[in-house]
N, C-alpha and C. Protein backbone atom coordinates (compact mmCIF):
# COMPACT_ATOMS: atom_id res chain seq x y z
N UNK A 1 3.52 -45.03 -17.83
CA UNK A 1 2.35 -44.29 -18.20
C UNK A 1 1.81 -43.48 -17.02
N UNK A 2 1.80 -44.11 -15.85
CA UNK A 2 1.30 -43.40 -14.67
C UNK A 2 2.20 -42.23 -14.32
N UNK A 3 3.49 -42.39 -14.53
CA UNK A 3 4.43 -41.31 -14.24
C UNK A 3 4.14 -40.10 -15.13
N UNK A 4 3.82 -40.38 -16.38
CA UNK A 4 3.53 -39.28 -17.30
C UNK A 4 2.25 -38.56 -16.88
N UNK A 5 1.22 -39.30 -16.47
CA UNK A 5 -0.02 -38.67 -16.00
C UNK A 5 0.22 -37.84 -14.74
N UNK A 6 1.05 -38.36 -13.86
CA UNK A 6 1.37 -37.63 -12.63
C UNK A 6 2.12 -36.34 -12.95
N UNK A 7 3.04 -36.41 -13.91
CA UNK A 7 3.80 -35.21 -14.30
C UNK A 7 2.88 -34.17 -14.93
N UNK A 8 1.95 -34.60 -15.77
CA UNK A 8 1.00 -33.68 -16.41
C UNK A 8 0.09 -33.05 -15.35
N UNK A 9 -0.36 -33.85 -14.40
CA UNK A 9 -1.21 -33.33 -13.33
C UNK A 9 -0.45 -32.31 -12.47
N UNK A 10 0.79 -32.60 -12.16
CA UNK A 10 1.60 -31.67 -11.36
C UNK A 10 1.82 -30.37 -12.13
N UNK A 11 2.13 -30.48 -13.41
CA UNK A 11 2.32 -29.29 -14.24
C UNK A 11 1.04 -28.45 -14.29
N UNK A 12 -0.10 -29.11 -14.41
CA UNK A 12 -1.39 -28.41 -14.43
C UNK A 12 -1.66 -27.69 -13.11
N UNK A 13 -1.32 -28.33 -12.00
CA UNK A 13 -1.53 -27.72 -10.69
C UNK A 13 -0.66 -26.47 -10.52
N UNK A 14 0.59 -26.57 -10.94
CA UNK A 14 1.49 -25.41 -10.85
C UNK A 14 0.99 -24.27 -11.73
N UNK A 15 0.55 -24.59 -12.91
CA UNK A 15 0.03 -23.58 -13.83
C UNK A 15 -1.20 -22.90 -13.23
N UNK A 16 -2.07 -23.67 -12.63
CA UNK A 16 -3.26 -23.12 -12.00
C UNK A 16 -2.89 -22.17 -10.86
N UNK A 17 -1.94 -22.55 -10.05
CA UNK A 17 -1.52 -21.70 -8.94
C UNK A 17 -0.93 -20.38 -9.43
N UNK A 18 -0.22 -20.42 -10.54
CA UNK A 18 0.39 -19.20 -11.07
C UNK A 18 -0.62 -18.27 -11.71
N UNK A 19 -1.78 -18.77 -12.12
CA UNK A 19 -2.76 -17.93 -12.78
C UNK A 19 -3.83 -17.41 -11.84
N UNK A 20 -3.89 -17.88 -10.61
CA UNK A 20 -4.86 -17.37 -9.65
C UNK A 20 -4.45 -15.96 -9.25
N UNK A 21 -5.36 -14.99 -9.37
CA UNK A 21 -4.98 -13.62 -9.02
C UNK A 21 -4.70 -13.51 -7.52
N UNK A 22 -3.70 -12.73 -7.20
CA UNK A 22 -3.39 -12.51 -5.79
C UNK A 22 -4.20 -11.34 -5.28
N UNK A 23 -4.48 -11.34 -4.00
CA UNK A 23 -5.24 -10.24 -3.43
C UNK A 23 -4.38 -8.99 -3.39
N UNK A 24 -5.03 -7.85 -3.49
CA UNK A 24 -4.30 -6.58 -3.45
C UNK A 24 -3.71 -6.40 -2.06
N UNK A 25 -2.51 -5.84 -2.02
CA UNK A 25 -1.90 -5.63 -0.72
C UNK A 25 -2.56 -4.44 -0.05
N UNK A 26 -2.59 -4.51 1.25
CA UNK A 26 -3.21 -3.45 2.03
C UNK A 26 -2.35 -3.15 3.25
N UNK A 27 -2.37 -1.90 3.64
CA UNK A 27 -1.74 -1.52 4.90
C UNK A 27 -2.61 -2.09 6.02
N UNK A 28 -1.99 -2.69 7.00
CA UNK A 28 -2.75 -3.26 8.11
C UNK A 28 -2.88 -2.23 9.22
N UNK A 29 -4.10 -1.96 9.64
CA UNK A 29 -4.35 -1.01 10.70
C UNK A 29 -5.31 0.08 10.25
N UNK A 30 -5.29 1.20 10.97
CA UNK A 30 -6.23 2.27 10.69
C UNK A 30 -5.51 3.57 10.33
N UNK A 31 -6.12 4.30 9.42
CA UNK A 31 -5.71 5.66 9.12
C UNK A 31 -6.89 6.54 9.51
N UNK A 32 -6.64 7.52 10.35
CA UNK A 32 -7.70 8.37 10.87
C UNK A 32 -7.48 9.82 10.45
N UNK A 33 -8.56 10.54 10.25
CA UNK A 33 -8.48 11.96 9.96
C UNK A 33 -9.77 12.62 10.44
N UNK A 34 -9.74 13.94 10.53
CA UNK A 34 -10.89 14.69 11.04
C UNK A 34 -11.45 15.59 9.94
N UNK A 35 -12.77 15.59 9.81
CA UNK A 35 -13.47 16.48 8.89
C UNK A 35 -14.48 17.29 9.69
N UNK A 36 -14.98 18.35 9.08
CA UNK A 36 -16.02 19.14 9.70
C UNK A 36 -17.37 18.57 9.28
N UNK A 37 -18.16 18.17 10.26
CA UNK A 37 -19.48 17.59 9.98
C UNK A 37 -20.47 18.64 9.51
N UNK A 38 -21.64 18.20 9.08
CA UNK A 38 -22.67 19.11 8.61
C UNK A 38 -23.12 20.09 9.70
N UNK A 39 -23.00 19.68 10.96
CA UNK A 39 -23.38 20.54 12.07
C UNK A 39 -22.23 21.45 12.53
N UNK A 40 -21.10 21.40 11.82
CA UNK A 40 -19.95 22.22 12.16
C UNK A 40 -19.02 21.62 13.20
N UNK A 41 -19.36 20.46 13.70
CA UNK A 41 -18.53 19.79 14.70
C UNK A 41 -17.50 18.91 14.02
N UNK A 42 -16.35 18.69 14.69
CA UNK A 42 -15.34 17.77 14.13
C UNK A 42 -15.85 16.34 14.15
N UNK A 43 -15.53 15.62 13.10
CA UNK A 43 -15.95 14.23 12.96
C UNK A 43 -14.74 13.40 12.57
N UNK A 44 -14.40 12.38 13.37
CA UNK A 44 -13.26 11.50 13.12
C UNK A 44 -13.69 10.42 12.14
N UNK A 45 -12.92 10.25 11.06
CA UNK A 45 -13.19 9.24 10.04
C UNK A 45 -12.03 8.25 10.05
N UNK A 46 -12.35 6.97 9.82
CA UNK A 46 -11.35 5.91 9.88
C UNK A 46 -11.36 5.11 8.58
N UNK A 47 -10.17 4.89 8.03
CA UNK A 47 -9.98 3.95 6.92
C UNK A 47 -9.35 2.69 7.53
N UNK A 48 -10.02 1.57 7.44
CA UNK A 48 -9.48 0.31 7.95
C UNK A 48 -8.76 -0.43 6.84
N UNK A 49 -7.53 -0.85 7.12
CA UNK A 49 -6.72 -1.63 6.18
C UNK A 49 -6.77 -1.06 4.75
N UNK A 50 -6.35 0.19 4.58
CA UNK A 50 -6.42 0.80 3.25
C UNK A 50 -5.45 0.16 2.26
N UNK A 51 -5.79 0.22 0.98
CA UNK A 51 -4.97 -0.38 -0.08
C UNK A 51 -3.63 0.32 -0.19
N UNK A 52 -2.61 -0.43 -0.48
CA UNK A 52 -1.25 0.09 -0.66
C UNK A 52 -1.02 0.52 -2.10
N UNK A 53 -0.21 1.56 -2.27
CA UNK A 53 0.23 1.97 -3.59
C UNK A 53 -0.85 2.57 -4.47
N UNK A 54 -1.98 2.91 -3.90
CA UNK A 54 -3.10 3.43 -4.67
C UNK A 54 -3.56 4.73 -4.03
N UNK A 55 -3.67 5.79 -4.81
CA UNK A 55 -4.11 7.07 -4.28
C UNK A 55 -5.56 6.95 -3.80
N UNK A 56 -5.81 7.42 -2.59
CA UNK A 56 -7.15 7.44 -2.03
C UNK A 56 -7.54 8.90 -1.81
N UNK A 57 -8.49 9.38 -2.59
CA UNK A 57 -9.03 10.72 -2.36
C UNK A 57 -10.11 10.58 -1.30
N UNK A 58 -10.00 11.35 -0.24
CA UNK A 58 -10.94 11.25 0.88
C UNK A 58 -12.30 11.77 0.43
N UNK A 59 -13.32 10.91 0.44
CA UNK A 59 -14.60 11.28 -0.17
C UNK A 59 -15.28 12.48 0.47
N UNK A 60 -15.10 12.67 1.76
CA UNK A 60 -15.77 13.77 2.46
C UNK A 60 -15.23 15.14 2.05
N UNK A 61 -14.01 15.18 1.52
CA UNK A 61 -13.36 16.45 1.20
C UNK A 61 -12.83 16.46 -0.24
N UNK A 62 -13.39 15.64 -1.10
CA UNK A 62 -12.88 15.50 -2.47
C UNK A 62 -13.09 16.76 -3.31
N UNK A 63 -14.12 17.53 -3.01
CA UNK A 63 -14.42 18.72 -3.81
C UNK A 63 -13.97 19.98 -3.06
N UNK A 64 -12.86 20.58 -3.45
CA UNK A 64 -12.36 21.76 -2.76
C UNK A 64 -13.33 22.94 -2.75
N UNK A 65 -14.22 23.02 -3.74
CA UNK A 65 -15.18 24.14 -3.77
C UNK A 65 -16.36 23.92 -2.83
N UNK A 66 -16.52 22.69 -2.32
CA UNK A 66 -17.69 22.38 -1.49
C UNK A 66 -17.35 22.02 -0.04
N UNK A 67 -16.07 21.88 0.28
CA UNK A 67 -15.74 21.45 1.65
C UNK A 67 -14.38 21.96 2.08
N UNK A 68 -14.22 22.08 3.37
CA UNK A 68 -12.91 22.37 3.95
C UNK A 68 -12.09 21.10 3.92
N UNK A 69 -10.76 21.21 3.87
CA UNK A 69 -9.95 19.99 3.88
C UNK A 69 -10.04 19.26 5.22
N UNK A 70 -9.69 17.99 5.18
CA UNK A 70 -9.56 17.21 6.41
C UNK A 70 -8.29 17.68 7.12
N UNK A 71 -8.13 17.28 8.37
CA UNK A 71 -6.95 17.65 9.14
C UNK A 71 -6.69 16.61 10.22
N UNK A 72 -5.63 16.80 10.96
CA UNK A 72 -5.26 15.94 12.10
C UNK A 72 -5.15 14.47 11.74
N UNK A 73 -4.40 14.11 10.69
CA UNK A 73 -4.29 12.69 10.33
C UNK A 73 -3.51 11.90 11.37
N UNK A 74 -3.86 10.63 11.51
CA UNK A 74 -3.16 9.68 12.39
C UNK A 74 -2.93 8.42 11.58
N UNK A 75 -1.66 8.06 11.38
CA UNK A 75 -1.34 6.85 10.64
C UNK A 75 -1.06 5.72 11.61
N UNK A 76 -2.04 4.88 11.84
CA UNK A 76 -1.91 3.73 12.73
C UNK A 76 -1.79 2.44 11.94
N UNK A 77 -1.27 2.56 10.71
CA UNK A 77 -1.07 1.37 9.88
C UNK A 77 0.39 0.92 9.97
N UNK A 78 0.69 -0.19 9.35
CA UNK A 78 2.05 -0.71 9.36
C UNK A 78 2.87 -0.21 8.17
N UNK A 79 2.36 0.79 7.44
CA UNK A 79 3.07 1.34 6.29
C UNK A 79 3.15 2.86 6.38
N UNK A 80 4.25 3.46 5.90
CA UNK A 80 4.30 4.91 5.85
C UNK A 80 3.26 5.43 4.85
N UNK A 81 2.82 6.66 5.08
CA UNK A 81 1.80 7.25 4.21
C UNK A 81 2.25 8.64 3.76
N UNK A 82 1.87 9.00 2.55
CA UNK A 82 2.03 10.37 2.08
C UNK A 82 0.64 10.97 2.02
N UNK A 83 0.44 12.11 2.71
CA UNK A 83 -0.82 12.82 2.63
C UNK A 83 -0.62 14.03 1.73
N UNK A 84 -1.65 14.38 0.98
CA UNK A 84 -1.58 15.45 0.00
C UNK A 84 -2.64 16.51 0.29
N UNK A 85 -2.31 17.74 -0.03
CA UNK A 85 -3.22 18.86 0.24
C UNK A 85 -4.36 18.95 -0.77
N UNK A 86 -4.26 18.23 -1.88
CA UNK A 86 -5.29 18.29 -2.93
C UNK A 86 -5.78 16.88 -3.28
N UNK A 87 -6.95 16.77 -3.93
CA UNK A 87 -7.44 15.45 -4.35
C UNK A 87 -6.48 14.79 -5.34
N UNK A 88 -6.63 13.49 -5.49
CA UNK A 88 -5.87 12.67 -6.45
C UNK A 88 -4.36 12.78 -6.26
N UNK A 89 -3.95 12.90 -5.01
CA UNK A 89 -2.53 12.90 -4.62
C UNK A 89 -1.74 13.98 -5.36
N UNK A 90 -2.29 15.18 -5.33
CA UNK A 90 -1.62 16.34 -5.90
C UNK A 90 -1.46 17.40 -4.82
N UNK A 91 -0.72 18.44 -5.13
CA UNK A 91 -0.48 19.50 -4.15
C UNK A 91 0.73 19.17 -3.30
N UNK A 92 0.86 19.86 -2.19
CA UNK A 92 1.97 19.60 -1.27
C UNK A 92 1.76 18.24 -0.61
N UNK A 93 2.88 17.58 -0.34
CA UNK A 93 2.81 16.25 0.30
C UNK A 93 3.59 16.25 1.60
N UNK A 94 3.10 15.43 2.52
CA UNK A 94 3.75 15.27 3.82
C UNK A 94 3.78 13.78 4.14
N UNK A 95 4.89 13.34 4.69
CA UNK A 95 5.07 11.92 5.01
C UNK A 95 4.71 11.67 6.48
N UNK A 96 3.96 10.59 6.71
CA UNK A 96 3.63 10.16 8.06
C UNK A 96 4.21 8.77 8.28
N UNK A 97 4.96 8.62 9.35
CA UNK A 97 5.57 7.31 9.67
C UNK A 97 4.50 6.25 9.91
N UNK A 98 4.90 5.02 9.73
CA UNK A 98 4.03 3.89 10.04
C UNK A 98 3.84 3.80 11.55
N UNK A 99 2.66 3.48 11.98
CA UNK A 99 2.38 3.22 13.39
C UNK A 99 2.17 4.43 14.26
N UNK A 100 3.00 5.44 14.12
CA UNK A 100 2.92 6.58 15.04
C UNK A 100 2.85 7.93 14.34
N UNK A 101 2.77 7.94 13.03
CA UNK A 101 2.76 9.22 12.31
C UNK A 101 1.47 9.99 12.55
N UNK A 102 1.60 11.29 12.77
CA UNK A 102 0.41 12.10 12.97
C UNK A 102 0.69 13.54 12.54
N UNK A 103 -0.38 14.28 12.35
CA UNK A 103 -0.30 15.70 12.03
C UNK A 103 -1.28 16.46 12.90
N UNK A 104 -1.05 17.74 13.04
CA UNK A 104 -1.92 18.58 13.86
C UNK A 104 -3.09 19.09 13.03
N UNK A 105 -3.91 19.94 13.64
CA UNK A 105 -5.02 20.57 12.92
C UNK A 105 -4.54 21.41 11.75
N UNK A 106 -3.30 21.87 11.82
CA UNK A 106 -2.75 22.70 10.74
C UNK A 106 -2.38 21.89 9.50
N UNK A 107 -2.23 20.58 9.63
CA UNK A 107 -1.90 19.74 8.48
C UNK A 107 -3.20 19.36 7.77
N UNK A 108 -3.46 20.02 6.66
CA UNK A 108 -4.68 19.79 5.89
C UNK A 108 -4.43 18.78 4.78
N UNK A 109 -5.43 17.94 4.50
CA UNK A 109 -5.26 16.91 3.49
C UNK A 109 -6.57 16.62 2.79
N UNK A 110 -6.44 16.13 1.56
CA UNK A 110 -7.59 15.70 0.77
C UNK A 110 -7.38 14.31 0.15
N UNK A 111 -6.14 13.80 0.21
CA UNK A 111 -5.86 12.47 -0.35
C UNK A 111 -4.64 11.88 0.34
N UNK A 112 -4.49 10.56 0.18
CA UNK A 112 -3.41 9.84 0.83
C UNK A 112 -3.02 8.62 -0.01
N UNK A 113 -1.75 8.24 0.07
CA UNK A 113 -1.29 7.00 -0.54
C UNK A 113 -0.39 6.28 0.47
N UNK A 114 -0.56 4.97 0.58
CA UNK A 114 0.27 4.16 1.48
C UNK A 114 1.38 3.53 0.67
N UNK A 115 2.59 3.60 1.20
CA UNK A 115 3.79 3.29 0.43
C UNK A 115 4.23 1.84 0.46
N UNK A 116 3.54 1.00 1.15
CA UNK A 116 3.98 -0.40 1.25
C UNK A 116 5.11 -0.53 2.26
N UNK A 117 5.53 -1.71 2.52
CA UNK A 117 6.61 -1.95 3.46
C UNK A 117 7.92 -1.51 2.85
N UNK A 118 8.66 -0.74 3.56
CA UNK A 118 9.95 -0.24 3.04
C UNK A 118 11.10 -0.88 3.77
């Protein structure tokens, strides 16, 4: 009888572990980019540990009719990133390597997606 109770308890524990939601994966590190501040000066913005596999439209430059695009991205995360010239990961795309990927002032962006570990 005790063996049966132990087996039921073990089965319940395994079932519970399988139903607990896992945390969303995130790129570890920082993604940096530059926007033009309200005073016209460059302003460096940082995304810490951004989510993987999910398009991130950069809030400061999300509206093309109201702002200039961001530029000079630096990918200091552990995952490669694709940066896009338009919001919602549309437009031309450019790949930035994990850890050392960067673009110049000429590389304009409005959104980014992190590709996970490859």
